[in-house]
C-alpha cells in the first residue's frame, strides 16, 4: 500500500493551523498597537472628545424627505421599497410593509436589525405585524446590504466602521420618524422601535434621545460593555486576550453602551425579550440594563440561545408575544400612561 504515515497526511492541516495561529497573533498584535495609540494622552483625549459628541448630528429643523421607489401588492399587505434622507443629502434605503386596508392610519414599528443582518430580514417577519394591523419599516444600516462598501478594508477599518455605524443608526432611527411624519397612512401617536441584538443595544439610545417613539421592544440585547466584551456564559474570569479585546471594545464603543441611557426611556413602556442560554450576550449584561431601566417594563425569557435552539415554533411565539404586547399598548388606559 502507498498510504502515507499520519505525520505526512496531517502536515497540510498542521501548516494551515500554524498559519491561522500566526494570522491571529498578527491581528491581536495590530489591535494591541491600536489600543496603545488610543491609550496615549493625545489619542485618549481625542477619543474622549469624539465620545462626548458621539450621538450629535441630528438636525431637528431638517424636514423629512423620502420617496417610494417600488410597490408590490401582497395578500393582505403591501411591500414598498423607499428611500429617506438621513444626514442632509444622503439617501437611506428601507423596506416597508403595510396592511393593505385603505384610508386608515396604521401604528408603525421601526425595526433595527442585528450586526450581521440586512434590511431584507424584514421580509421574513413582516406578516406577523401586518396581519395584526401594524406597519413595519426597516432601514438599511451603514456598511450592510445595499450600503456595503466595495472595499471593506482590514480589521481596523471594520472596527472604525462599526463605531460609525452605531452613531449613524441612532441618528437615522430619528430621521426615520421625520420621514414617517410625511406619510398620511401612519399614525404619529403610535410609533414604536423594535431592536434585535445590536439593534436593541443601539435602539436603547434611539429611544432615550427620541421622545417621539412611544415604546420599545428590545430583543436579545444587553448593557454594561465592560462585561459584554469580556464575559462568556459560564466564564466570568476573562483571560488576557479577552481583557485586551474588552479594553479595545470599551475604547471604541463605550458611548453606545445602553446602560448610560436606558433609564431615560421611562415612563414609556419597554418589553425585553432575552434568551436563557444566550451564547453571545451574557445574562448578567441583560440583567444589568433591565435593572437600570425605569418603569413600566417587562422581561420575557425564552428557552434558547442567541442563535441556537430558535425553532420555527419558538420564533412564531416570540413574534406573537411582541404583537400581543403592542396590542395592550393600544388599550385606552395604557395609551394615556395610566
C-alpha atoms as a PDB file:
ATOM      1  CA  UNK A   1       0.000   0.000   0.000  1.00  0.00           C
ATOM      2  CA  UNK A   2       1.099   3.591  -0.686  1.00  0.00           C
ATOM      3  CA  UNK A   3      -0.706   5.025   2.310  1.00  0.00           C
ATOM      4  CA  UNK A   4       1.280   7.870   3.808  1.00  0.00           C
ATOM      5  CA  UNK A   5       2.061   7.902   7.530  1.00  0.00           C
ATOM      6  CA  UNK A   6      -0.208  10.072   9.728  1.00  0.00           C
ATOM      7  CA  UNK A   7       2.530  12.690  10.178  1.00  0.00           C
ATOM      8  CA  UNK A   8       2.613  13.274   6.399  1.00  0.00           C
ATOM      9  CA  UNK A   9      -1.155  13.112   5.983  1.00  0.00           C
ATOM     10  CA  UNK A  10      -1.654  15.785   8.633  1.00  0.00           C
ATOM     11  CA  UNK A  11       1.183  18.076   7.501  1.00  0.00           C
ATOM     12  CA  UNK A  12      -1.056  20.379   5.376  1.00  0.00           C
ATOM     13  CA  UNK A  13      -3.520  20.604   8.265  1.00  0.00           C
ATOM     14  CA  UNK A  14      -0.752  21.496  10.707  1.00  0.00           C
ATOM     15  CA  UNK A  15       0.657  24.056   8.266  1.00  0.00           C
ATOM     16  CA  UNK A  16      -2.782  25.596   7.772  1.00  0.00           C
ATOM     17  CA  UNK A  17      -3.352  25.658  11.520  1.00  0.00           C
ATOM     18  CA  UNK A  18       0.033  27.304  12.018  1.00  0.00           C
ATOM     19  CA  UNK A  19      -0.834  29.996   9.510  1.00  0.00           C
ATOM     20  CA  UNK A  20      -4.140  30.668  11.213  1.00  0.00           C
ATOM     21  CA  UNK A  21      -2.424  30.959  14.582  1.00  0.00           C
ATOM     22  CA  UNK A  22       0.156  33.342  13.073  1.00  0.00           C
ATOM     23  CA  UNK A  23      -2.568  35.458  11.434  1.00  0.00           C
ATOM     24  CA  UNK A  24      -4.452  35.545  14.708  1.00  0.00           C
ATOM     25  CA  UNK A  25      -1.318  36.651  16.536  1.00  0.00           C
ATOM     26  CA  UNK A  26      -0.639  39.387  13.994  1.00  0.00           C
ATOM     27  CA  UNK A  27      -4.217  40.630  14.229  1.00  0.00           C
ATOM     28  CA  UNK A  28      -4.012  40.740  18.006  1.00  0.00           C
ATOM     29  CA  UNK A  29      -0.638  42.444  17.833  1.00  0.00           C
ATOM     30  CA  UNK A  30      -2.082  45.066  15.495  1.00  0.00           C
ATOM     31  CA  UNK A  31      -5.019  45.593  17.800  1.00  0.00           C
ATOM     32  CA  UNK A  32      -2.647  45.974  20.729  1.00  0.00           C
ATOM     33  CA  UNK A  33      -0.767  48.687  18.837  1.00  0.00           C
ATOM     34  CA  UNK A  34      -4.040  50.480  18.113  1.00  0.00           C
ATOM     35  CA  UNK A  35      -5.007  50.186  21.760  1.00  0.00           C
ATOM     36  CA  UNK A  36      -1.667  51.646  22.816  1.00  0.00           C
ATOM     37  CA  UNK A  37      -2.092  54.603  20.475  1.00  0.00           C
ATOM     38  CA  UNK A  38      -5.616  55.224  21.727  1.00  0.00           C
ATOM     39  CA  UNK A  39      -4.401  54.932  25.295  1.00  0.00           C
ATOM     40  CA  UNK A  40      -1.732  57.613  24.773  1.00  0.00           C
ATOM     41  CA  UNK A  41      -2.520  61.058  26.108  1.00  0.00           C
ATOM     42  CA  UNK A  42      -3.298  62.684  22.749  1.00  0.00           C
ATOM     43  CA  UNK A  43      -5.203  59.721  21.350  1.00  0.00           C
ATOM     44  CA  UNK A  44      -7.151  59.271  24.570  1.00  0.00           C
ATOM     45  CA  UNK A  45      -8.157  62.934  24.746  1.00  0.00           C
ATOM     46  CA  UNK A  46      -9.236  62.966  21.080  1.00  0.00           C
ATOM     47  CA  UNK A  47     -11.303  59.835  21.623  1.00  0.00           C
ATOM     48  CA  UNK A  48     -12.984  61.316  24.709  1.00  0.00           C
ATOM     49  CA  UNK A  49     -13.938  64.443  22.743  1.00  0.00           C
ATOM     50  CA  UNK A  50     -15.293  62.214  19.972  1.00  0.00           C
ATOM     51  CA  UNK A  51     -17.226  60.127  22.517  1.00  0.00           C
ATOM     52  CA  UNK A  52     -18.843  63.222  24.011  1.00  0.00           C
ATOM     53  CA  UNK A  53     -20.220  64.100  20.559  1.00  0.00           C
ATOM     54  CA  UNK A  54     -20.994  60.539  19.504  1.00  0.00           C
ATOM     55  CA  UNK A  55     -24.730  60.995  19.055  1.00  0.00           C
ATOM     56  CA  UNK A  56     -24.643  64.580  17.817  1.00  0.00           C
ATOM     57  CA  UNK A  57     -25.633  65.476  14.263  1.00  0.00           C
ATOM     58  CA  UNK A  58     -29.412  65.187  14.296  1.00  0.00           C
ATOM     59  CA  UNK A  59     -30.944  68.362  12.845  1.00  0.00           C
ATOM     60  CA  UNK A  60     -34.494  68.869  14.131  1.00  0.00           C
ATOM     61  CA  UNK A  61     -35.028  71.632  11.562  1.00  0.00           C
ATOM     62  CA  UNK A  62     -34.321  69.321   8.633  1.00  0.00           C
ATOM     63  CA  UNK A  63     -37.631  68.317   7.054  1.00  0.00           C
ATOM     64  CA  UNK A  64     -38.410  64.681   6.373  1.00  0.00           C
ATOM     65  CA  UNK A  65     -37.874  63.644   2.759  1.00  0.00           C
ATOM     66  CA  UNK A  66     -38.340  60.330   1.018  1.00  0.00           C
ATOM     67  CA  UNK A  67     -39.774  58.514  -1.960  1.00  0.00           C
ATOM     68  CA  UNK A  68     -41.417  55.178  -2.735  1.00  0.00           C
ATOM     69  CA  UNK A  69     -39.337  53.568  -5.496  1.00  0.00           C
ATOM     70  CA  UNK A  70     -41.030  50.145  -5.614  1.00  0.00           C
ATOM     71  CA  UNK A  71     -44.503  48.980  -4.621  1.00  0.00           C
ATOM     72  CA  UNK A  72     -45.641  45.341  -4.590  1.00  0.00           C
ATOM     73  CA  UNK A  73     -49.175  44.304  -3.550  1.00  0.00           C
ATOM     74  CA  UNK A  74     -49.226  41.107  -1.482  1.00  0.00           C
ATOM     75  CA  UNK A  75     -52.001  39.107   0.126  1.00  0.00           C
ATOM     76  CA  UNK A  76     -53.370  41.371   2.843  1.00  0.00           C
ATOM     77  CA  UNK A  77     -50.441  43.804   2.703  1.00  0.00           C
ATOM     78  CA  UNK A  78     -48.241  45.973   0.526  1.00  0.00           C
ATOM     79  CA  UNK A  79     -44.446  45.825   0.300  1.00  0.00           C
ATOM     80  CA  UNK A  80     -42.666  49.059  -0.542  1.00  0.00           C
ATOM     81  CA  UNK A  81     -39.047  49.910  -1.065  1.00  0.00           C
ATOM     82  CA  UNK A  82     -38.364  53.506  -0.161  1.00  0.00           C
ATOM     83  CA  UNK A  83     -35.520  55.875   0.441  1.00  0.00           C
ATOM     84  CA  UNK A  84     -35.450  58.571   3.098  1.00  0.00           C
ATOM     85  CA  UNK A  85     -32.942  61.290   3.838  1.00  0.00           C
ATOM     86  CA  UNK A  86     -30.567  60.645   6.730  1.00  0.00           C
ATOM     87  CA  UNK A  87     -27.978  63.362   7.148  1.00  0.00           C
ATOM     88  CA  UNK A  88     -28.600  66.112   4.629  1.00  0.00           C
ATOM     89  CA  UNK A  89     -28.271  64.826   1.088  1.00  0.00           C
ATOM     90  CA  UNK A  90     -27.793  61.132   1.969  1.00  0.00           C
ATOM     91  CA  UNK A  91     -30.429  58.682   0.720  1.00  0.00           C
ATOM     92  CA  UNK A  92     -31.019  55.694   3.011  1.00  0.00           C
ATOM     93  CA  UNK A  93     -32.821  52.647   1.546  1.00  0.00           C
ATOM     94  CA  UNK A  94     -35.516  50.930   3.582  1.00  0.00           C
ATOM     95  CA  UNK A  95     -38.175  48.245   3.227  1.00  0.00           C
ATOM     96  CA  UNK A  96     -41.737  48.991   4.333  1.00  0.00           C
ATOM     97  CA  UNK A  97     -44.610  46.525   4.817  1.00  0.00           C
ATOM     98  CA  UNK A  98     -48.104  47.906   5.464  1.00  0.00           C
ATOM     99  CA  UNK A  99     -51.587  46.408   5.796  1.00  0.00           C
ATOM    100  CA  UNK A 100     -53.483  46.785   2.529  1.00  0.00           C
ATOM    101  CA  UNK A 101     -56.557  48.445   4.079  1.00  0.00           C
ATOM    102  CA  UNK A 102     -57.133  51.889   2.591  1.00  0.00           C
ATOM    103  CA  UNK A 103     -57.999  55.135   4.341  1.00  0.00           C
ATOM    104  CA  UNK A 104     -56.509  54.153   7.717  1.00  0.00           C
ATOM    105  CA  UNK A 105     -53.635  55.473   9.794  1.00  0.00           C
ATOM    106  CA  UNK A 106     -51.631  52.488  10.991  1.00  0.00           C
ATOM    107  CA  UNK A 107     -49.445  52.144  14.060  1.00  0.00           C
ATOM    108  CA  UNK A 108     -45.882  51.648  12.848  1.00  0.00           C
ATOM    109  CA  UNK A 109     -42.895  49.659  14.105  1.00  0.00           C
ATOM    110  CA  UNK A 110     -39.337  50.722  13.166  1.00  0.00           C
ATOM    111  CA  UNK A 111     -37.055  47.667  13.060  1.00  0.00           C
ATOM    112  CA  UNK A 112     -33.313  47.884  13.772  1.00  0.00           C
ATOM    113  CA  UNK A 113     -31.698  44.561  12.871  1.00  0.00           C
ATOM    114  CA  UNK A 114     -28.639  42.779  14.291  1.00  0.00           C
ATOM    115  CA  UNK A 115     -24.952  43.027  13.466  1.00  0.00           C
ATOM    116  CA  UNK A 116     -24.779  40.551  10.572  1.00  0.00           C
ATOM    117  CA  UNK A 117     -28.211  41.107   9.062  1.00  0.00           C
ATOM    118  CA  UNK A 118     -29.617  43.432   6.398  1.00  0.00           C
ATOM    119  CA  UNK A 119     -32.966  45.059   5.702  1.00  0.00           C
ATOM    120  CA  UNK A 120     -34.291  42.034   3.751  1.00  0.00           C
ATOM    121  CA  UNK A 121     -34.654  40.385   7.189  1.00  0.00           C
ATOM    122  CA  UNK A 122     -37.915  42.316   7.375  1.00  0.00           C
ATOM    123  CA  UNK A 123     -39.422  40.203   4.596  1.00  0.00           C
ATOM    124  CA  UNK A 124     -39.149  37.143   6.868  1.00  0.00           C
ATOM    125  CA  UNK A 125     -41.102  38.569   9.796  1.00  0.00           C
ATOM    126  CA  UNK A 126     -43.377  41.314   8.443  1.00  0.00           C
ATOM    127  CA  UNK A 127     -46.514  39.203   8.035  1.00  0.00           C
ATOM    128  CA  UNK A 128     -46.955  38.731  11.791  1.00  0.00           C
ATOM    129  CA  UNK A 129     -47.196  42.513  12.146  1.00  0.00           C
ATOM    130  CA  UNK A 130     -49.212  43.452   9.056  1.00  0.00           C
ATOM    131  CA  UNK A 131     -51.744  40.715   9.769  1.00  0.00           C
ATOM    132  CA  UNK A 132     -52.280  42.330  13.185  1.00  0.00           C
ATOM    133  CA  UNK A 133     -52.738  45.793  11.639  1.00  0.00           C
ATOM    134  CA  UNK A 134     -49.224  47.208  12.105  1.00  0.00           C
ATOM    135  CA  UNK A 135     -46.970  48.764   9.501  1.00  0.00           C
ATOM    136  CA  UNK A 136     -43.302  47.891   9.917  1.00  0.00           C
ATOM    137  CA  UNK A 137     -40.290  49.546   8.303  1.00  0.00           C
ATOM    138  CA  UNK A 138     -36.602  48.622   8.334  1.00  0.00           C
ATOM    139  CA  UNK A 139     -33.774  50.945   7.229  1.00  0.00           C
ATOM    140  CA  UNK A 140     -30.505  49.554   5.859  1.00  0.00           C
ATOM    141  CA  UNK A 141     -27.676  50.237   8.284  1.00  0.00           C
ATOM    142  CA  UNK A 142     -24.311  51.743   7.431  1.00  0.00           C
ATOM    143  CA  UNK A 143     -21.957  49.146   5.952  1.00  0.00           C
ATOM    144  CA  UNK A 144     -24.647  46.499   5.458  1.00  0.00           C
ATOM    145  CA  UNK A 145     -26.614  45.244   2.452  1.00  0.00           C
ATOM    146  CA  UNK A 146     -27.022  47.964  -0.145  1.00  0.00           C
ATOM    147  CA  UNK A 147     -24.738  50.220   1.905  1.00  0.00           C
ATOM    148  CA  UNK A 148     -21.885  47.722   1.994  1.00  0.00           C
ATOM    149  CA  UNK A 149     -18.646  49.312   0.721  1.00  0.00           C
ATOM    150  CA  UNK A 150     -16.830  47.701  -2.193  1.00  0.00           C
ATOM    151  CA  UNK A 151     -13.536  47.856  -0.322  1.00  0.00           C
ATOM    152  CA  UNK A 152     -14.135  46.758   3.247  1.00  0.00           C
ATOM    153  CA  UNK A 153     -10.501  47.216   4.296  1.00  0.00           C
ATOM    154  CA  UNK A 154      -8.875  45.330   7.155  1.00  0.00           C
ATOM    155  CA  UNK A 155      -9.709  44.660  10.797  1.00  0.00           C
ATOM    156  CA  UNK A 156      -9.115  48.251  11.931  1.00  0.00           C
ATOM    157  CA  UNK A 157     -11.356  49.597   9.156  1.00  0.00           C
ATOM    158  CA  UNK A 158     -14.058  47.189  10.301  1.00  0.00           C
ATOM    159  CA  UNK A 159     -13.810  48.388  13.902  1.00  0.00           C
ATOM    160  CA  UNK A 160     -13.979  52.040  12.858  1.00  0.00           C
ATOM    161  CA  UNK A 161     -16.921  51.296  10.564  1.00  0.00           C
ATOM    162  CA  UNK A 162     -18.783  49.564  13.400  1.00  0.00           C
ATOM    163  CA  UNK A 163     -18.189  52.589  15.624  1.00  0.00           C
ATOM    164  CA  UNK A 164     -19.616  54.913  12.970  1.00  0.00           C
ATOM    165  CA  UNK A 165     -22.464  52.502  12.287  1.00  0.00           C
ATOM    166  CA  UNK A 166     -23.506  52.834  15.917  1.00  0.00           C
ATOM    167  CA  UNK A 167     -23.923  56.606  15.867  1.00  0.00           C
ATOM    168  CA  UNK A 168     -25.388  56.676  12.339  1.00  0.00           C
ATOM    169  CA  UNK A 169     -28.004  54.045  13.151  1.00  0.00           C
ATOM    170  CA  UNK A 170     -29.303  56.096  16.076  1.00  0.00           C
ATOM    171  CA  UNK A 171     -29.377  59.301  14.018  1.00  0.00           C
ATOM    172  CA  UNK A 172     -31.167  57.523  11.160  1.00  0.00           C
ATOM    173  CA  UNK A 173     -33.703  55.977  13.543  1.00  0.00           C
ATOM    174  CA  UNK A 174     -34.624  59.554  14.466  1.00  0.00           C
ATOM    175  CA  UNK A 175     -34.678  60.720  10.848  1.00  0.00           C
ATOM    176  CA  UNK A 176     -36.955  57.790  10.051  1.00  0.00           C
ATOM    177  CA  UNK A 177     -39.633  59.456  12.173  1.00  0.00           C
ATOM    178  CA  UNK A 178     -39.207  62.660  10.159  1.00  0.00           C
ATOM    179  CA  UNK A 179     -39.955  60.631   7.037  1.00  0.00           C
ATOM    180  CA  UNK A 180     -42.930  58.896   8.679  1.00  0.00           C
ATOM    181  CA  UNK A 181     -44.293  62.362   9.528  1.00  0.00           C
ATOM    182  CA  UNK A 182     -44.774  62.840   5.776  1.00  0.00           C
ATOM    183  CA  UNK A 183     -46.940  59.705   5.459  1.00  0.00           C
ATOM    184  CA  UNK A 184     -50.695  60.165   5.769  1.00  0.00           C
ATOM    185  CA  UNK A 185     -51.128  56.412   6.358  1.00  0.00           C
ATOM    186  CA  UNK A 186     -49.053  56.348   9.584  1.00  0.00           C
ATOM    187  CA  UNK A 187     -50.391  57.391  12.991  1.00  0.00           C
ATOM    188  CA  UNK A 188     -47.846  59.801  14.558  1.00  0.00           C
ATOM    189  CA  UNK A 189     -49.061  58.896  18.058  1.00  0.00           C
ATOM    190  CA  UNK A 190     -48.349  55.171  17.673  1.00  0.00           C
ATOM    191  CA  UNK A 191     -44.764  54.626  16.567  1.00  0.00           C
ATOM    192  CA  UNK A 192     -42.601  52.014  18.235  1.00  0.00           C
ATOM    193  CA  UNK A 193     -38.980  50.904  18.000  1.00  0.00           C
ATOM    194  CA  UNK A 194     -38.070  47.209  17.769  1.00  0.00           C
ATOM    195  CA  UNK A 195     -34.374  46.350  18.046  1.00  0.00           C
ATOM    196  CA  UNK A 196     -32.740  42.916  17.694  1.00  0.00           C
ATOM    197  CA  UNK A 197     -29.314  42.187  19.238  1.00  0.00           C
ATOM    198  CA  UNK A 198     -27.099  45.120  18.139  1.00  0.00           C
ATOM    199  CA  UNK A 199     -30.332  46.817  17.082  1.00  0.00           C
ATOM    200  CA  UNK A 200     -31.585  46.508  20.670  1.00  0.00           C
ATOM    201  CA  UNK A 201     -28.340  47.956  22.032  1.00  0.00           C
ATOM    202  CA  UNK A 202     -28.406  50.923  19.653  1.00  0.00           C
ATOM    203  CA  UNK A 203     -32.197  51.173  19.798  1.00  0.00           C
ATOM    204  CA  UNK A 204     -31.950  51.938  23.504  1.00  0.00           C
ATOM    205  CA  UNK A 205     -30.106  55.184  22.752  1.00  0.00           C
ATOM    206  CA  UNK A 206     -32.528  55.990  19.919  1.00  0.00           C
ATOM    207  CA  UNK A 207     -35.435  55.605  22.338  1.00  0.00           C
ATOM    208  CA  UNK A 208     -33.711  57.704  25.004  1.00  0.00           C
ATOM    209  CA  UNK A 209     -32.855  60.531  22.610  1.00  0.00           C
ATOM    210  CA  UNK A 210     -36.083  60.467  20.600  1.00  0.00           C
ATOM    211  CA  UNK A 211     -39.293  61.006  22.636  1.00  0.00           C
ATOM    212  CA  UNK A 212     -41.494  60.540  19.553  1.00  0.00           C
ATOM    213  CA  UNK A 213     -41.122  56.784  19.944  1.00  0.00           C
ATOM    214  CA  UNK A 214     -43.988  55.756  22.200  1.00  0.00           C
ATOM    215  CA  UNK A 215     -42.474  52.443  23.355  1.00  0.00           C
ATOM    216  CA  UNK A 216     -39.751  49.933  22.563  1.00  0.00           C
ATOM    217  CA  UNK A 217     -39.128  46.205  22.145  1.00  0.00           C
ATOM    218  CA  UNK A 218     -35.546  45.189  22.959  1.00  0.00           C
ATOM    219  CA  UNK A 219     -34.793  41.611  21.867  1.00  0.00           C
ATOM    220  CA  UNK A 220     -31.545  39.751  22.587  1.00  0.00           C
ATOM    221  CA  UNK A 221     -29.865  42.886  23.964  1.00  0.00           C
ATOM    222  CA  UNK A 222     -27.701  43.736  26.929  1.00  0.00           C
ATOM    223  CA  UNK A 223     -25.679  46.503  28.533  1.00  0.00           C
ATOM    224  CA  UNK A 224     -22.545  47.071  30.613  1.00  0.00           C
ATOM    225  CA  UNK A 225     -19.919  46.764  27.868  1.00  0.00           C
ATOM    226  CA  UNK A 226     -17.102  46.079  30.347  1.00  0.00           C
ATOM    227  CA  UNK A 227     -18.726  42.712  30.940  1.00  0.00           C
ATOM    228  CA  UNK A 228     -20.214  42.263  27.492  1.00  0.00           C
ATOM    229  CA  UNK A 229     -16.840  42.397  25.740  1.00  0.00           C
ATOM    230  CA  UNK A 230     -15.033  40.131  28.203  1.00  0.00           C
ATOM    231  CA  UNK A 231     -17.567  37.653  29.602  1.00  0.00           C
ATOM    232  CA  UNK A 232     -18.955  34.491  28.114  1.00  0.00           C
ATOM    233  CA  UNK A 233     -21.635  32.240  29.599  1.00  0.00           C
ATOM    234  CA  UNK A 234     -20.029  30.105  32.299  1.00  0.00           C
ATOM    235  CA  UNK A 235     -16.790  32.109  32.212  1.00  0.00           C
ATOM    236  CA  UNK A 236     -16.796  35.244  34.339  1.00  0.00           C
ATOM    237  CA  UNK A 237     -12.970  35.316  34.591  1.00  0.00           C
ATOM    238  CA  UNK A 238     -11.666  36.549  31.215  1.00  0.00           C
ATOM    239  CA  UNK A 239      -8.174  35.601  30.058  1.00  0.00           C
ATOM    240  CA  UNK A 240      -5.545  38.078  28.870  1.00  0.00           C
ATOM    241  CA  UNK A 241      -6.758  38.059  25.250  1.00  0.00           C
ATOM    242  CA  UNK A 242     -10.344  38.694  26.290  1.00  0.00           C
ATOM    243  CA  UNK A 243      -9.245  41.520  28.583  1.00  0.00           C
ATOM    244  CA  UNK A 244      -7.319  43.102  25.694  1.00  0.00           C
ATOM    245  CA  UNK A 245     -10.254  42.788  23.323  1.00  0.00           C
ATOM    246  CA  UNK A 246     -12.540  44.082  26.037  1.00  0.00           C
ATOM    247  CA  UNK A 247     -10.382  47.140  26.554  1.00  0.00           C
ATOM    248  CA  UNK A 248     -10.438  47.909  22.835  1.00  0.00           C
ATOM    249  CA  UNK A 249     -14.181  47.330  22.666  1.00  0.00           C
ATOM    250  CA  UNK A 250     -14.724  49.727  25.536  1.00  0.00           C
ATOM    251  CA  UNK A 251     -12.451  52.349  23.989  1.00  0.00           C
ATOM    252  CA  UNK A 252     -14.227  52.238  20.644  1.00  0.00           C
ATOM    253  CA  UNK A 253     -17.870  51.579  21.568  1.00  0.00           C
ATOM    254  CA  UNK A 254     -18.273  52.905  25.102  1.00  0.00           C
ATOM    255  CA  UNK A 255     -20.608  55.821  24.176  1.00  0.00           C
ATOM    256  CA  UNK A 256     -23.073  53.325  22.660  1.00  0.00           C
ATOM    257  CA  UNK A 257     -23.405  51.361  25.922  1.00  0.00           C
ATOM    258  CA  UNK A 258     -27.175  51.351  26.633  1.00  0.00           C
ATOM    259  CA  UNK A 259     -26.507  51.248  30.368  1.00  0.00           C
ATOM    260  CA  UNK A 260     -25.904  55.021  30.221  1.00  0.00           C
ATOM    261  CA  UNK A 261     -29.326  55.985  28.806  1.00  0.00           C
ATOM    262  CA  UNK A 262     -31.845  53.220  29.300  1.00  0.00           C
ATOM    263  CA  UNK A 263     -33.328  54.915  32.370  1.00  0.00           C
ATOM    264  CA  UNK A 264     -34.170  57.927  30.166  1.00  0.00           C
ATOM    265  CA  UNK A 265     -36.786  55.923  28.216  1.00  0.00           C
ATOM    266  CA  UNK A 266     -39.176  55.858  31.192  1.00  0.00           C
ATOM    267  CA  UNK A 267     -42.128  56.460  31.523  1.00  0.00           C
ATOM    268  CA  UNK A 268     -42.525  54.949  28.055  1.00  0.00           C
ATOM    269  CA  UNK A 269     -43.001  51.151  28.192  1.00  0.00           C
ATOM    270  CA  UNK A 270     -40.254  48.666  27.349  1.00  0.00           C
ATOM    271  CA  UNK A 271     -40.506  44.964  26.524  1.00  0.00           C
ATOM    272  CA  UNK A 272     -37.303  42.958  26.967  1.00  0.00           C
ATOM    273  CA  UNK A 273     -37.044  39.586  25.231  1.00  0.00           C
ATOM    274  CA  UNK A 274     -33.987  37.517  26.036  1.00  0.00           C
ATOM    275  CA  UNK A 275     -32.549  34.028  25.681  1.00  0.00           C
ATOM    276  CA  UNK A 276     -31.892  31.905  28.769  1.00  0.00           C
ATOM    277  CA  UNK A 277     -28.861  30.306  27.108  1.00  0.00           C
ATOM    278  CA  UNK A 278     -27.524  33.268  25.135  1.00  0.00           C
ATOM    279  CA  UNK A 279     -24.078  32.364  23.809  1.00  0.00           C
ATOM    280  CA  UNK A 280     -23.245  35.977  22.840  1.00  0.00           C
ATOM    281  CA  UNK A 281     -24.840  38.317  25.391  1.00  0.00           C
ATOM    282  CA  UNK A 282     -24.145  37.157  28.976  1.00  0.00           C
ATOM    283  CA  UNK A 283     -27.189  37.054  31.236  1.00  0.00           C
ATOM    284  CA  UNK A 284     -25.521  39.467  33.677  1.00  0.00           C
ATOM    285  CA  UNK A 285     -25.467  42.078  30.887  1.00  0.00           C
ATOM    286  CA  UNK A 286     -29.173  41.653  30.204  1.00  0.00           C
ATOM    287  CA  UNK A 287     -29.971  41.849  33.901  1.00  0.00           C
ATOM    288  CA  UNK A 288     -27.791  44.965  34.271  1.00  0.00           C
ATOM    289  CA  UNK A 289     -29.626  47.068  31.721  1.00  0.00           C
ATOM    290  CA  UNK A 290     -33.044  45.704  32.678  1.00  0.00           C
ATOM    291  CA  UNK A 291     -32.360  46.699  36.302  1.00  0.00           C
ATOM    292  CA  UNK A 292     -31.276  50.199  35.205  1.00  0.00           C
ATOM    293  CA  UNK A 293     -34.433  50.727  33.113  1.00  0.00           C
ATOM    294  CA  UNK A 294     -37.316  52.631  34.656  1.00  0.00           C
ATOM    295  CA  UNK A 295     -40.954  51.548  34.762  1.00  0.00           C
ATOM    296  CA  UNK A 296     -43.070  50.370  33.082  1.00  0.00           C
ATOM    297  CA  UNK A 297     -41.057  47.400  31.883  1.00  0.00           C
ATOM    298  CA  UNK A 298     -41.498  43.690  31.313  1.00  0.00           C
ATOM    299  CA  UNK A 299     -38.995  40.931  30.572  1.00  0.00           C
ATOM    300  CA  UNK A 300     -39.669  37.573  28.899  1.00  0.00           C
ATOM    301  CA  UNK A 301     -37.131  34.738  28.841  1.00  0.00           C
ATOM    302  CA  UNK A 302     -37.028  32.040  26.168  1.00  0.00           C
ATOM    303  CA  UNK A 303     -35.505  28.568  26.375  1.00  0.00           C
ATOM    304  CA  UNK A 304     -32.924  29.017  23.609  1.00  0.00           C
ATOM    305  CA  UNK A 305     -29.643  30.712  22.758  1.00  0.00           C
ATOM    306  CA  UNK A 306     -28.905  33.850  20.778  1.00  0.00           C
ATOM    307  CA  UNK A 307     -28.941  31.692  17.656  1.00  0.00           C
ATOM    308  CA  UNK A 308     -29.133  28.067  18.822  1.00  0.00           C
ATOM    309  CA  UNK A 309     -32.488  26.453  19.519  1.00  0.00           C
ATOM    310  CA  UNK A 310     -34.548  29.015  17.594  1.00  0.00           C
ATOM    311  CA  UNK A 311     -37.152  26.703  16.102  1.00  0.00           C
ATOM    312  CA  UNK A 312     -39.877  27.982  13.799  1.00  0.00           C
ATOM    313  CA  UNK A 313     -42.414  27.374  16.564  1.00  0.00           C
ATOM    314  CA  UNK A 314     -40.408  29.423  19.065  1.00  0.00           C
ATOM    315  CA  UNK A 315     -39.844  32.268  16.593  1.00  0.00           C
ATOM    316  CA  UNK A 316     -43.594  32.476  15.987  1.00  0.00           C
ATOM    317  CA  UNK A 317     -44.132  32.513  19.774  1.00  0.00           C
ATOM    318  CA  UNK A 318     -41.639  35.368  20.194  1.00  0.00           C
ATOM    319  CA  UNK A 319     -43.331  37.434  17.478  1.00  0.00           C
ATOM    320  CA  UNK A 320     -46.787  36.697  18.863  1.00  0.00           C
ATOM    321  CA  UNK A 321     -45.611  37.964  22.266  1.00  0.00           C
ATOM    322  CA  UNK A 322     -44.440  41.172  20.561  1.00  0.00           C
ATOM    323  CA  UNK A 323     -47.753  41.740  18.818  1.00  0.00           C
ATOM    324  CA  UNK A 324     -49.781  40.965  21.934  1.00  0.00           C
ATOM    325  CA  UNK A 325     -47.665  43.414  23.949  1.00  0.00           C
ATOM    326  CA  UNK A 326     -48.167  46.112  21.309  1.00  0.00           C
ATOM    327  CA  UNK A 327     -51.889  45.387  21.284  1.00  0.00           C
ATOM    328  CA  UNK A 328     -52.054  46.007  25.025  1.00  0.00           C
ATOM    329  CA  UNK A 329     -50.473  49.423  24.450  1.00  0.00           C
ATOM    330  CA  UNK A 330     -53.457  50.338  22.283  1.00  0.00           C
ATOM    331  CA  UNK A 331     -55.811  49.983  25.265  1.00  0.00           C
ATOM    332  CA  UNK A 332     -57.003  53.425  26.414  1.00  0.00           C
ATOM    333  CA  UNK A 333     -55.570  53.282  29.955  1.00  0.00           C
ATOM    334  CA  UNK A 334     -52.127  52.229  28.728  1.00  0.00           C
ATOM    335  CA  UNK A 335     -52.131  54.736  25.873  1.00  0.00           C
ATOM    336  CA  UNK A 336     -52.764  57.523  28.387  1.00  0.00           C
ATOM    337  CA  UNK A 337     -49.938  56.297  30.629  1.00  0.00           C
ATOM    338  CA  UNK A 338     -52.176  55.218  33.492  1.00  0.00           C
END
